[in-house]
Amino acid sequence: MSKKYDVYGIGNALVDLEFKVNDQFLYDHKVQKGLMTLVDEDTQFRLIGAIDNGDMNRKSGGSAANSVIAVSQFGGNSFYSCKVANDEYGDFYLKDMNDAGVDTNLDKKEREDGVTGKCLVMITPDADRTMNTFLGATTNLSTNEIDEYALKDSQYLYLEGYLTTSVTGVEAMKLGKKLAEDNGVKTAITLSDPSIVQFFKEKFVDVIGASVDLLFCNEDEAMSFTGKDNLAEAREAMKSEAHRFVITQGSNGAMIWDGDTFIDIEAYKVKAVDTNGAGDMFAGAFLYGITNGMTFASAGKLASMASSKVVSQFGPRLKWHEVQAILHDLK
């Protein structure tokens, strides 16, 4: 029997506010380049106020949100469990997800008063992305946000690693994984960020348990999680954590372990403008592929094409005609 959803995601709901800055700006404001740093709302407002260009891109975001939106853009069906407040940013988030074709739990329950989370994304001329995140309402994402019926009616559960920073978020991840495993839904997780892996490794181990069906990470996250200082050892160690996994390697493409063999995925040569959302796009396109009849190799090629396209422009989304062009080129 076919499932209603290809992918059911659980993750943070953040309105992304994306700006172009230079390295001097990060240095002057003591912002650690290339990482995601949790900040309070005042710090975020202060940084936004200090940015003297008005070129802002505003989208519904959060790592797993970007991935389930990608699934939808390619023609799949996705659901997202998240938490926003009953404010203007929360209204924007819900509308933007609906417009992207993603079903959510937000339509079904009254939203609480508070402040919706926001992620200040600062893009430097080298295309690197630095994020300062005020979690707001998403700090309290919990098991209450899980839609059990939608989860059971999905091919894959996709868990966002950033949730390991929250006690209630970890509980939501663990319940989601248990419900998935009890109902024949495959489980996938992304390690999200090297600093998150470093500081919350025990939480990841707790959530992953014996194993997951599919794990996404980049090279730094793979080495940090396994405690290895080179990729060759890290990828071998990763086999005991996940039945299958994907390690993205930026301009060097990606390597996929399909349970039997390693598959090298070539990168598509482009001029990178903005790397924000590249890993999210790769995961979303890959999940779309494997839930819609593609082999791991073909899904990897699709994901590589999609992520190379997204880094060549400002913002973490593809436009409809770009998605159609990618699917056409793949055929």
C-alpha atoms as a PDB file:
ATOM      1  CA  MET A   1       0.000   0.000   0.000  1.00  0.00           C
ATOM      2  CA  SER A   2       1.429   3.387  -0.977  1.00  0.00           C
ATOM      3  CA  LYS A   3       2.052   6.035   1.651  1.00  0.00           C
ATOM      4  CA  LYS A   4       0.604   9.545   1.529  1.00  0.00           C
ATOM      5  CA  TYR A   5       3.933  11.234   2.298  1.00  0.00           C
ATOM      6  CA  ASP A   6       7.389  10.531   0.926  1.00  0.00           C
ATOM      7  CA  VAL A   7       9.106  12.327   3.808  1.00  0.00           C
ATOM      8  CA  TYR A   8       7.935  13.411   7.264  1.00  0.00           C
ATOM      9  CA  GLY A   9      10.332  15.926   8.814  1.00  0.00           C
ATOM     10  CA  ILE A  10      10.755  17.054  12.410  1.00  0.00           C
ATOM     11  CA  GLY A  11      12.833  20.173  12.907  1.00  0.00           C
ATOM     12  CA  ASN A  12      13.169  23.803  13.806  1.00  0.00           C
ATOM     13  CA  ALA A  13      10.912  26.443  12.302  1.00  0.00           C
ATOM     14  CA  LEU A  14      12.942  29.567  11.668  1.00  0.00           C
ATOM     15  CA  VAL A  15      12.329  32.509   9.409  1.00  0.00           C
ATOM     16  CA  ASP A  16      15.607  32.930   7.526  1.00  0.00           C
ATOM     17  CA  LEU A  17      16.791  36.516   7.143  1.00  0.00           C
ATOM     18  CA  GLU A  18      19.667  36.373   4.699  1.00  0.00           C
ATOM     19  CA  PHE A  19      22.114  39.238   4.116  1.00  0.00           C
ATOM     20  CA  LYS A  20      25.390  39.736   2.271  1.00  0.00           C
ATOM     21  CA  VAL A  21      28.253  40.910   4.506  1.00  0.00           C
ATOM     22  CA  ASN A  22      32.058  41.009   4.300  1.00  0.00           C
ATOM     23  CA  ASP A  23      34.636  39.299   6.507  1.00  0.00           C
ATOM     24  CA  GLN A  24      35.428  42.578   8.243  1.00  0.00           C
ATOM     25  CA  PHE A  25      31.820  42.790   9.458  1.00  0.00           C
ATOM     26  CA  LEU A  26      32.107  39.359  11.107  1.00  0.00           C
ATOM     27  CA  TYR A  27      35.458  40.327  12.651  1.00  0.00           C
ATOM     28  CA  ASP A  28      34.197  43.693  13.941  1.00  0.00           C
ATOM     29  CA  HIS A  29      31.142  42.105  15.557  1.00  0.00           C
ATOM     30  CA  LYS A  30      33.016  39.060  16.944  1.00  0.00           C
ATOM     31  CA  VAL A  31      30.921  36.611  14.923  1.00  0.00           C
ATOM     32  CA  GLN A  32      32.467  33.159  14.403  1.00  0.00           C
ATOM     33  CA  LYS A  33      32.607  32.581  10.671  1.00  0.00           C
ATOM     34  CA  GLY A  34      31.117  29.506   9.040  1.00  0.00           C
ATOM     35  CA  LEU A  35      29.267  28.177  12.074  1.00  0.00           C
ATOM     36  CA  MET A  36      25.760  28.245  13.490  1.00  0.00           C
ATOM     37  CA  THR A  37      25.746  30.118  16.811  1.00  0.00           C
ATOM     38  CA  LEU A  38      22.746  30.401  19.129  1.00  0.00           C
ATOM     39  CA  VAL A  39      22.171  34.019  20.214  1.00  0.00           C
ATOM     40  CA  ASP A  40      19.524  36.014  22.069  1.00  0.00           C
ATOM     41  CA  GLU A  41      17.049  38.201  20.226  1.00  0.00           C
ATOM     42  CA  ASP A  42      18.801  41.449  21.210  1.00  0.00           C
ATOM     43  CA  THR A  43      22.078  40.270  19.680  1.00  0.00           C
ATOM     44  CA  GLN A  44      20.299  39.323  16.491  1.00  0.00           C
ATOM     45  CA  PHE A  45      18.551  42.711  16.244  1.00  0.00           C
ATOM     46  CA  ARG A  46      21.845  44.507  16.930  1.00  0.00           C
ATOM     47  CA  LEU A  47      23.597  42.648  14.105  1.00  0.00           C
ATOM     48  CA  ILE A  48      20.734  43.231  11.663  1.00  0.00           C
ATOM     49  CA  GLY A  49      20.789  46.930  12.563  1.00  0.00           C
ATOM     50  CA  ALA A  50      24.523  47.086  11.856  1.00  0.00           C
ATOM     51  CA  ILE A  51      24.208  45.627   8.362  1.00  0.00           C
ATOM     52  CA  ASP A  52      24.084  48.632   6.055  1.00  0.00           C
ATOM     53  CA  ASN A  53      22.694  46.986   2.924  1.00  0.00           C
ATOM     54  CA  GLY A  54      19.007  46.394   2.320  1.00  0.00           C
ATOM     55  CA  ASP A  55      19.459  43.296   0.165  1.00  0.00           C
ATOM     56  CA  MET A  56      17.593  40.783   2.337  1.00  0.00           C
ATOM     57  CA  ASN A  57      16.094  37.445   1.388  1.00  0.00           C
ATOM     58  CA  ARG A  58      13.279  36.238   3.720  1.00  0.00           C
ATOM     59  CA  LYS A  59      12.058  32.638   3.604  1.00  0.00           C
ATOM     60  CA  SER A  60      10.637  29.986   5.895  1.00  0.00           C
ATOM     61  CA  GLY A  61      13.595  27.931   6.978  1.00  0.00           C
ATOM     62  CA  GLY A  62      15.198  25.609   9.411  1.00  0.00           C
ATOM     63  CA  SER A  63      17.464  22.883   8.071  1.00  0.00           C
ATOM     64  CA  ALA A  64      14.907  20.060   7.801  1.00  0.00           C
ATOM     65  CA  ALA A  65      12.290  22.541   6.547  1.00  0.00           C
ATOM     66  CA  ASN A  66      14.530  23.380   3.585  1.00  0.00           C
ATOM     67  CA  SER A  67      14.842  19.651   2.859  1.00  0.00           C
ATOM     68  CA  VAL A  68      11.121  18.837   2.960  1.00  0.00           C
ATOM     69  CA  ILE A  69      10.442  21.892   0.789  1.00  0.00           C
ATOM     70  CA  ALA A  70      12.931  20.475  -1.728  1.00  0.00           C
ATOM     71  CA  VAL A  71      11.063  17.147  -1.689  1.00  0.00           C
ATOM     72  CA  SER A  72       7.865  19.034  -2.496  1.00  0.00           C
ATOM     73  CA  GLN A  73       9.504  21.158  -5.209  1.00  0.00           C
ATOM     74  CA  PHE A  74      10.658  18.051  -7.065  1.00  0.00           C
ATOM     75  CA  GLY A  75       7.134  16.668  -7.034  1.00  0.00           C
ATOM     76  CA  GLY A  76       7.081  14.619  -3.843  1.00  0.00           C
ATOM     77  CA  ASN A  77       4.750  14.845  -0.853  1.00  0.00           C
ATOM     78  CA  SER A  78       6.099  16.015   2.493  1.00  0.00           C
ATOM     79  CA  PHE A  79       4.933  16.869   5.999  1.00  0.00           C
ATOM     80  CA  TYR A  80       6.698  19.025   8.588  1.00  0.00           C
ATOM     81  CA  SER A  81       6.307  19.028  12.367  1.00  0.00           C
ATOM     82  CA  CYS A  82       7.508  22.266  13.897  1.00  0.00           C
ATOM     83  CA  LYS A  83       6.612  25.098  16.281  1.00  0.00           C
ATOM     84  CA  VAL A  84       6.069  28.828  15.644  1.00  0.00           C
ATOM     85  CA  ALA A  85       4.405  31.522  17.709  1.00  0.00           C
ATOM     86  CA  ASN A  86       1.141  33.364  17.118  1.00  0.00           C
ATOM     87  CA  ASP A  87       2.865  36.428  15.628  1.00  0.00           C
ATOM     88  CA  GLU A  88       3.533  38.014  12.228  1.00  0.00           C
ATOM     89  CA  TYR A  89       6.587  35.851  11.573  1.00  0.00           C
ATOM     90  CA  GLY A  90       4.576  32.760  12.510  1.00  0.00           C
ATOM     91  CA  ASP A  91       1.865  33.787  10.027  1.00  0.00           C
ATOM     92  CA  PHE A  92       4.543  34.289   7.366  1.00  0.00           C
ATOM     93  CA  TYR A  93       6.081  30.888   8.116  1.00  0.00           C
ATOM     94  CA  LEU A  94       2.802  28.993   7.832  1.00  0.00           C
ATOM     95  CA  LYS A  95       1.841  30.724   4.568  1.00  0.00           C
ATOM     96  CA  ASP A  96       5.279  30.159   3.053  1.00  0.00           C
ATOM     97  CA  MET A  97       5.200  26.435   3.889  1.00  0.00           C
ATOM     98  CA  ASN A  98       1.681  26.123   2.472  1.00  0.00           C
ATOM     99  CA  ASP A  99       2.785  27.943  -0.683  1.00  0.00           C
ATOM    100  CA  ALA A 100       5.682  25.470  -0.974  1.00  0.00           C
ATOM    101  CA  GLY A 101       3.197  22.586  -0.907  1.00  0.00           C
ATOM    102  CA  VAL A 102       4.276  21.201   2.477  1.00  0.00           C
ATOM    103  CA  ASP A 103       1.638  19.987   4.950  1.00  0.00           C
ATOM    104  CA  THR A 104       2.341  20.888   8.580  1.00  0.00           C
ATOM    105  CA  ASN A 105       0.978  20.480  12.088  1.00  0.00           C
ATOM    106  CA  LEU A 106       0.527  24.267  12.263  1.00  0.00           C
ATOM    107  CA  ASP A 107      -2.879  24.186  10.574  1.00  0.00           C
ATOM    108  CA  LYS A 108      -4.314  21.860  13.194  1.00  0.00           C
ATOM    109  CA  LYS A 109      -3.537  23.538  16.525  1.00  0.00           C
ATOM    110  CA  GLU A 110      -3.755  27.020  17.946  1.00  0.00           C
ATOM    111  CA  ARG A 111      -0.356  28.665  18.107  1.00  0.00           C
ATOM    112  CA  GLU A 112       0.898  29.940  21.456  1.00  0.00           C
ATOM    113  CA  ASP A 113       1.831  33.546  22.170  1.00  0.00           C
ATOM    114  CA  GLY A 114       5.532  34.280  21.954  1.00  0.00           C
ATOM    115  CA  VAL A 115       8.170  35.021  19.343  1.00  0.00           C
ATOM    116  CA  THR A 116       8.807  32.915  16.249  1.00  0.00           C
ATOM    117  CA  GLY A 117      12.436  31.890  15.808  1.00  0.00           C
ATOM    118  CA  LYS A 118      14.635  33.651  13.289  1.00  0.00           C
ATOM    119  CA  CYS A 119      17.957  32.771  11.717  1.00  0.00           C
ATOM    120  CA  LEU A 120      20.239  35.602  10.618  1.00  0.00           C
ATOM    121  CA  VAL A 121      22.230  34.174   7.703  1.00  0.00           C
ATOM    122  CA  MET A 122      25.319  36.184   6.749  1.00  0.00           C
ATOM    123  CA  ILE A 123      26.848  35.385   3.359  1.00  0.00           C
ATOM    124  CA  THR A 124      30.452  36.473   2.749  1.00  0.00           C
ATOM    125  CA  PRO A 125      32.024  37.033  -0.710  1.00  0.00           C
ATOM    126  CA  ASP A 126      33.615  33.554  -0.591  1.00  0.00           C
ATOM    127  CA  ALA A 127      30.032  32.132  -0.516  1.00  0.00           C
ATOM    128  CA  ASP A 128      30.446  30.834   3.054  1.00  0.00           C
ATOM    129  CA  ARG A 129      27.405  31.108   5.321  1.00  0.00           C
ATOM    130  CA  THR A 130      27.487  32.125   8.970  1.00  0.00           C
ATOM    131  CA  MET A 131      24.331  31.774  11.042  1.00  0.00           C
ATOM    132  CA  ASN A 132      23.279  33.488  14.251  1.00  0.00           C
ATOM    133  CA  THR A 133      20.057  31.891  15.413  1.00  0.00           C
ATOM    134  CA  PHE A 134      17.452  33.022  17.922  1.00  0.00           C
ATOM    135  CA  LEU A 135      15.313  29.930  18.425  1.00  0.00           C
ATOM    136  CA  GLY A 136      12.299  31.625  20.004  1.00  0.00           C
ATOM    137  CA  ALA A 137       9.211  29.397  20.013  1.00  0.00           C
ATOM    138  CA  THR A 138      11.002  26.459  18.398  1.00  0.00           C
ATOM    139  CA  THR A 139      13.034  26.021  21.607  1.00  0.00           C
ATOM    140  CA  ASN A 140       9.926  24.373  23.032  1.00  0.00           C
ATOM    141  CA  LEU A 141       9.243  22.002  20.154  1.00  0.00           C
ATOM    142  CA  SER A 142       8.139  18.786  21.820  1.00  0.00           C
ATOM    143  CA  THR A 143       6.282  15.517  21.330  1.00  0.00           C
ATOM    144  CA  ASN A 144       3.078  17.632  21.179  1.00  0.00           C
ATOM    145  CA  GLU A 145       4.008  18.736  17.655  1.00  0.00           C
ATOM    146  CA  ILE A 146       4.153  15.195  16.264  1.00  0.00           C
ATOM    147  CA  ASP A 147       1.270  14.103  14.053  1.00  0.00           C
ATOM    148  CA  GLU A 148       1.258  10.343  14.603  1.00  0.00           C
ATOM    149  CA  TYR A 149      -1.109   9.596  11.717  1.00  0.00           C
ATOM    150  CA  ALA A 150       0.918  11.577   9.184  1.00  0.00           C
ATOM    151  CA  LEU A 151       4.156   9.985  10.400  1.00  0.00           C
ATOM    152  CA  LYS A 152       2.781   6.456  10.046  1.00  0.00           C
ATOM    153  CA  ASP A 153       1.622   7.333   6.519  1.00  0.00           C
ATOM    154  CA  SER A 154       5.161   8.267   5.372  1.00  0.00           C
ATOM    155  CA  GLN A 155       7.993   6.392   3.676  1.00  0.00           C
ATOM    156  CA  TYR A 156      10.753   8.173   5.618  1.00  0.00           C
ATOM    157  CA  LEU A 157      11.090  10.091   8.866  1.00  0.00           C
ATOM    158  CA  TYR A 158      13.765  12.817   8.619  1.00  0.00           C
ATOM    159  CA  LEU A 159      15.215  14.201  11.873  1.00  0.00           C
ATOM    160  CA  GLU A 160      17.093  17.492  12.144  1.00  0.00           C
ATOM    161  CA  GLY A 161      20.266  17.294  14.224  1.00  0.00           C
ATOM    162  CA  TYR A 162      19.907  20.858  15.507  1.00  0.00           C
ATOM    163  CA  LEU A 163      17.082  19.596  17.754  1.00  0.00           C
ATOM    164  CA  THR A 164      19.701  17.918  19.986  1.00  0.00           C
ATOM    165  CA  THR A 165      20.262  21.325  21.625  1.00  0.00           C
ATOM    166  CA  SER A 166      16.801  21.130  23.262  1.00  0.00           C
ATOM    167  CA  VAL A 167      15.656  18.650  25.919  1.00  0.00           C
ATOM    168  CA  THR A 168      12.107  18.571  24.537  1.00  0.00           C
ATOM    169  CA  GLY A 169      13.480  18.460  20.992  1.00  0.00           C
ATOM    170  CA  VAL A 170      15.438  15.299  21.789  1.00  0.00           C
ATOM    171  CA  GLU A 171      12.289  13.729  23.239  1.00  0.00           C
ATOM    172  CA  ALA A 172      10.416  14.566  20.026  1.00  0.00           C
ATOM    173  CA  MET A 173      13.200  12.986  17.959  1.00  0.00           C
ATOM    174  CA  LYS A 174      13.168   9.817  20.067  1.00  0.00           C
ATOM    175  CA  LEU A 175       9.374   9.464  19.978  1.00  0.00           C
ATOM    176  CA  GLY A 176       9.349  10.088  16.235  1.00  0.00           C
ATOM    177  CA  LYS A 177      11.998   7.414  15.683  1.00  0.00           C
ATOM    178  CA  LYS A 178      10.135   4.901  17.858  1.00  0.00           C
ATOM    179  CA  LEU A 179       6.830   5.528  16.064  1.00  0.00           C
ATOM    180  CA  ALA A 180       8.596   5.176  12.729  1.00  0.00           C
ATOM    181  CA  GLU A 181      10.306   1.917  13.642  1.00  0.00           C
ATOM    182  CA  ASP A 182       7.106   0.484  15.119  1.00  0.00           C
ATOM    183  CA  ASN A 183       5.208   1.249  11.910  1.00  0.00           C
ATOM    184  CA  GLY A 184       7.634   0.274   9.175  1.00  0.00           C
ATOM    185  CA  VAL A 185       8.719   3.846   8.385  1.00  0.00           C
ATOM    186  CA  LYS A 186      12.416   4.232   7.549  1.00  0.00           C
ATOM    187  CA  THR A 187      14.474   6.647   9.656  1.00  0.00           C
ATOM    188  CA  ALA A 188      16.927   9.303   8.495  1.00  0.00           C
ATOM    189  CA  ILE A 189      18.897  11.920  10.415  1.00  0.00           C
ATOM    190  CA  THR A 190      21.211  14.792   9.535  1.00  0.00           C
ATOM    191  CA  LEU A 191      24.115  15.727  11.824  1.00  0.00           C
ATOM    192  CA  SER A 192      23.474  19.396  10.864  1.00  0.00           C
ATOM    193  CA  ASP A 193      26.640  21.228  11.970  1.00  0.00           C
ATOM    194  CA  PRO A 194      30.175  20.386  13.190  1.00  0.00           C
ATOM    195  CA  SER A 195      29.814  22.456  16.364  1.00  0.00           C
ATOM    196  CA  ILE A 196      26.486  20.793  17.200  1.00  0.00           C
ATOM    197  CA  VAL A 197      28.084  17.356  16.795  1.00  0.00           C
ATOM    198  CA  GLN A 198      30.985  18.429  19.012  1.00  0.00           C
ATOM    199  CA  PHE A 199      28.865  19.693  21.893  1.00  0.00           C
ATOM    200  CA  PHE A 200      25.853  17.355  21.677  1.00  0.00           C
ATOM    201  CA  LYS A 201      27.388  14.076  20.526  1.00  0.00           C
ATOM    202  CA  GLU A 202      25.871  12.121  23.446  1.00  0.00           C
ATOM    203  CA  LYS A 203      22.405  13.328  22.412  1.00  0.00           C
ATOM    204  CA  PHE A 204      22.985  12.120  18.861  1.00  0.00           C
ATOM    205  CA  VAL A 205      24.098   8.722  20.166  1.00  0.00           C
ATOM    206  CA  ASP A 206      20.983   8.606  22.349  1.00  0.00           C
ATOM    207  CA  VAL A 207      18.668   9.401  19.436  1.00  0.00           C
ATOM    208  CA  ILE A 208      20.370   7.174  16.852  1.00  0.00           C
ATOM    209  CA  GLY A 209      20.371   4.202  19.226  1.00  0.00           C
ATOM    210  CA  ALA A 210      21.380   0.967  17.523  1.00  0.00           C
ATOM    211  CA  SER A 211      21.293   2.546  14.068  1.00  0.00           C
ATOM    212  CA  VAL A 212      19.325   4.597  11.559  1.00  0.00           C
ATOM    213  CA  ASP A 213      18.423   3.665   7.997  1.00  0.00           C
ATOM    214  CA  LEU A 214      20.086   6.734   6.486  1.00  0.00           C
ATOM    215  CA  LEU A 215      22.432   9.397   7.845  1.00  0.00           C
ATOM    216  CA  PHE A 216      23.485  12.673   6.203  1.00  0.00           C
ATOM    217  CA  CYS A 217      26.617  14.613   7.163  1.00  0.00           C
ATOM    218  CA  ASN A 218      29.559  16.509   5.705  1.00  0.00           C
ATOM    219  CA  GLU A 219      33.241  15.603   6.099  1.00  0.00           C
ATOM    220  CA  ASP A 220      33.830  17.620   9.289  1.00  0.00           C
ATOM    221  CA  GLU A 221      30.695  16.212  10.929  1.00  0.00           C
ATOM    222  CA  ALA A 222      31.656  12.649   9.993  1.00  0.00           C
ATOM    223  CA  MET A 223      35.087  12.999  11.582  1.00  0.00           C
ATOM    224  CA  SER A 224      33.749  14.808  14.648  1.00  0.00           C
ATOM    225  CA  PHE A 225      31.017  12.225  15.231  1.00  0.00           C
ATOM    226  CA  THR A 226      33.279   9.179  14.810  1.00  0.00           C
ATOM    227  CA  GLY A 227      36.282  10.726  16.557  1.00  0.00           C
ATOM    228  CA  LYS A 228      38.508   9.989  13.548  1.00  0.00           C
ATOM    229  CA  ASP A 229      40.980  12.461  12.085  1.00  0.00           C
ATOM    230  CA  ASN A 230      40.659  11.391   8.458  1.00  0.00           C
ATOM    231  CA  LEU A 231      37.752  10.646   6.167  1.00  0.00           C
ATOM    232  CA  ALA A 232      38.839   7.106   5.255  1.00  0.00           C
ATOM    233  CA  GLU A 233      38.622   5.974   8.892  1.00  0.00           C
ATOM    234  CA  ALA A 234      35.503   8.042   9.579  1.00  0.00           C
ATOM    235  CA  ARG A 235      33.529   6.454   6.759  1.00  0.00           C
ATOM    236  CA  GLU A 236      34.395   2.965   7.968  1.00  0.00           C
ATOM    237  CA  ALA A 237      33.338   3.845  11.521  1.00  0.00           C
ATOM    238  CA  MET A 238      30.099   5.312  10.205  1.00  0.00           C
ATOM    239  CA  LYS A 239      28.969   1.865   9.037  1.00  0.00           C
ATOM    240  CA  SER A 240      28.167   0.925  12.633  1.00  0.00           C
ATOM    241  CA  GLU A 241      25.959   4.028  13.072  1.00  0.00           C
ATOM    242  CA  ALA A 242      23.785   3.821   9.963  1.00  0.00           C
ATOM    243  CA  HIS A 243      22.714   1.165   7.480  1.00  0.00           C
ATOM    244  CA  ARG A 244      23.364   3.697   4.716  1.00  0.00           C
ATOM    245  CA  PHE A 245      24.851   7.182   4.742  1.00  0.00           C
ATOM    246  CA  VAL A 246      25.795  10.166   2.634  1.00  0.00           C
ATOM    247  CA  ILE A 247      28.902  12.293   3.255  1.00  0.00           C
ATOM    248  CA  THR A 248      28.842  15.546   1.284  1.00  0.00           C
ATOM    249  CA  GLN A 249      32.211  16.995   0.296  1.00  0.00           C
ATOM    250  CA  GLY A 250      31.441  20.445  -1.063  1.00  0.00           C
ATOM    251  CA  SER A 251      33.170  21.068  -4.387  1.00  0.00           C
ATOM    252  CA  ASN A 252      34.411  17.447  -4.354  1.00  0.00           C
ATOM    253  CA  GLY A 253      30.877  16.052  -4.591  1.00  0.00           C
ATOM    254  CA  ALA A 254      29.718  13.342  -2.191  1.00  0.00           C
ATOM    255  CA  MET A 255      30.231   9.722  -1.219  1.00  0.00           C
ATOM    256  CA  ILE A 256      27.322   7.380  -0.562  1.00  0.00           C
ATOM    257  CA  TRP A 257      27.394   4.076   1.313  1.00  0.00           C
ATOM    258  CA  ASP A 258      24.404   2.097   0.019  1.00  0.00           C
ATOM    259  CA  GLY A 259      24.863  -0.769   2.472  1.00  0.00           C
ATOM    260  CA  ASP A 260      27.111  -2.755   0.124  1.00  0.00           C
ATOM    261  CA  THR A 261      29.457  -0.388  -1.650  1.00  0.00           C
ATOM    262  CA  PHE A 262      30.666   3.216  -1.780  1.00  0.00           C
ATOM    263  CA  ILE A 263      29.360   5.350  -4.623  1.00  0.00           C
ATOM    264  CA  ASP A 264      31.258   8.506  -5.575  1.00  0.00           C
ATOM    265  CA  ILE A 265      29.066  11.368  -6.731  1.00  0.00           C
ATOM    266  CA  GLU A 266      30.699  14.036  -8.859  1.00  0.00           C
ATOM    267  CA  ALA A 267      30.181  17.712  -8.144  1.00  0.00           C
ATOM    268  CA  TYR A 268      28.918  20.005 -10.878  1.00  0.00           C
ATOM    269  CA  LYS A 269      31.346  22.857 -11.430  1.00  0.00           C
ATOM    270  CA  VAL A 270      29.717  26.204 -10.667  1.00  0.00           C
ATOM    271  CA  LYS A 271      30.744  29.555  -9.251  1.00  0.00           C
ATOM    272  CA  ALA A 272      29.514  29.455  -5.655  1.00  0.00           C
ATOM    273  CA  VAL A 273      27.647  32.569  -4.516  1.00  0.00           C
ATOM    274  CA  ASP A 274      25.874  31.346  -1.363  1.00  0.00           C
ATOM    275  CA  THR A 275      26.389  27.926   0.279  1.00  0.00           C
ATOM    276  CA  ASN A 276      23.473  28.367   2.692  1.00  0.00           C
ATOM    277  CA  GLY A 277      21.084  25.457   2.287  1.00  0.00           C
ATOM    278  CA  ALA A 278      23.354  23.364   0.049  1.00  0.00           C
ATOM    279  CA  GLY A 279      23.387  20.384   2.411  1.00  0.00           C
ATOM    280  CA  ASP A 280      19.644  20.744   3.038  1.00  0.00           C
ATOM    281  CA  MET A 281      18.972  20.756  -0.707  1.00  0.00           C
ATOM    282  CA  PHE A 282      21.196  17.703  -1.205  1.00  0.00           C
ATOM    283  CA  ALA A 283      19.312  15.772   1.500  1.00  0.00           C
ATOM    284  CA  GLY A 284      15.892  16.834   0.210  1.00  0.00           C
ATOM    285  CA  ALA A 285      16.629  15.988  -3.419  1.00  0.00           C
ATOM    286  CA  PHE A 286      18.221  12.682  -2.407  1.00  0.00           C
ATOM    287  CA  LEU A 287      15.227  11.724  -0.253  1.00  0.00           C
ATOM    288  CA  TYR A 288      12.882  12.640  -3.086  1.00  0.00           C
ATOM    289  CA  GLY A 289      14.887  10.402  -5.418  1.00  0.00           C
ATOM    290  CA  ILE A 290      14.995   7.281  -3.272  1.00  0.00           C
ATOM    291  CA  THR A 291      11.306   7.557  -2.337  1.00  0.00           C
ATOM    292  CA  ASN A 292      10.332   7.903  -6.002  1.00  0.00           C
ATOM    293  CA  GLY A 293      12.020   4.925  -7.588  1.00  0.00           C
ATOM    294  CA  MET A 294      15.575   6.143  -8.128  1.00  0.00           C
ATOM    295  CA  THR A 295      18.689   4.164  -7.276  1.00  0.00           C
ATOM    296  CA  PHE A 296      21.092   5.649  -4.728  1.00  0.00           C
ATOM    297  CA  ALA A 297      23.462   6.569  -7.588  1.00  0.00           C
ATOM    298  CA  SER A 298      20.731   8.373  -9.561  1.00  0.00           C
ATOM    299  CA  ALA A 299      19.404  10.101  -6.445  1.00  0.00           C
ATOM    300  CA  GLY A 300      22.957  11.209  -5.644  1.00  0.00           C
ATOM    301  CA  LYS A 301      23.334  12.674  -9.114  1.00  0.00           C
ATOM    302  CA  LEU A 302      20.023  14.526  -8.765  1.00  0.00           C
ATOM    303  CA  ALA A 303      21.062  15.831  -5.338  1.00  0.00           C
ATOM    304  CA  SER A 304      24.442  16.980  -6.643  1.00  0.00           C
ATOM    305  CA  MET A 305      22.818  18.826  -9.550  1.00  0.00           C
ATOM    306  CA  ALA A 306      20.295  20.487  -7.240  1.00  0.00           C
ATOM    307  CA  SER A 307      22.810  21.566  -4.585  1.00  0.00           C
ATOM    308  CA  SER A 308      25.225  22.928  -7.208  1.00  0.00           C
ATOM    309  CA  LYS A 309      22.392  25.001  -8.648  1.00  0.00           C
ATOM    310  CA  VAL A 310      21.384  26.356  -5.234  1.00  0.00           C
ATOM    311  CA  VAL A 311      24.932  27.466  -4.293  1.00  0.00           C
ATOM    312  CA  SER A 312      25.211  29.419  -7.537  1.00  0.00           C
ATOM    313  CA  GLN A 313      22.502  31.863  -6.442  1.00  0.00           C
ATOM    314  CA  PHE A 314      21.422  33.900  -3.427  1.00  0.00           C
ATOM    315  CA  GLY A 315      19.014  32.006  -1.128  1.00  0.00           C
ATOM    316  CA  PRO A 316      18.406  28.322  -0.238  1.00  0.00           C
ATOM    317  CA  ARG A 317      15.527  27.654  -2.683  1.00  0.00           C
ATOM    318  CA  LEU A 318      15.273  26.733  -6.319  1.00  0.00           C
ATOM    319  CA  LYS A 319      12.697  28.250  -8.624  1.00  0.00           C
ATOM    320  CA  TRP A 320      10.095  26.033 -10.334  1.00  0.00           C
ATOM    321  CA  HIS A 321      11.697  26.279 -13.788  1.00  0.00           C
ATOM    322  CA  GLU A 322      15.112  25.371 -12.309  1.00  0.00           C
ATOM    323  CA  VAL A 323      13.662  22.226 -10.735  1.00  0.00           C
ATOM    324  CA  GLN A 324      12.066  21.255 -14.055  1.00  0.00           C
ATOM    325  CA  ALA A 325      15.362  21.840 -15.874  1.00  0.00           C
ATOM    326  CA  ILE A 326      17.231  19.599 -13.423  1.00  0.00           C
ATOM    327  CA  LEU A 327      14.693  16.773 -13.785  1.00  0.00           C
ATOM    328  CA  HIS A 328      14.855  17.171 -17.589  1.00  0.00           C
ATOM    329  CA  ASP A 329      18.688  17.066 -17.629  1.00  0.00           C
ATOM    330  CA  LEU A 330      18.688  13.988 -15.395  1.00  0.00           C
ATOM    331  CA  LYS A 331      16.561  12.102 -17.935  1.00  0.00           C
END
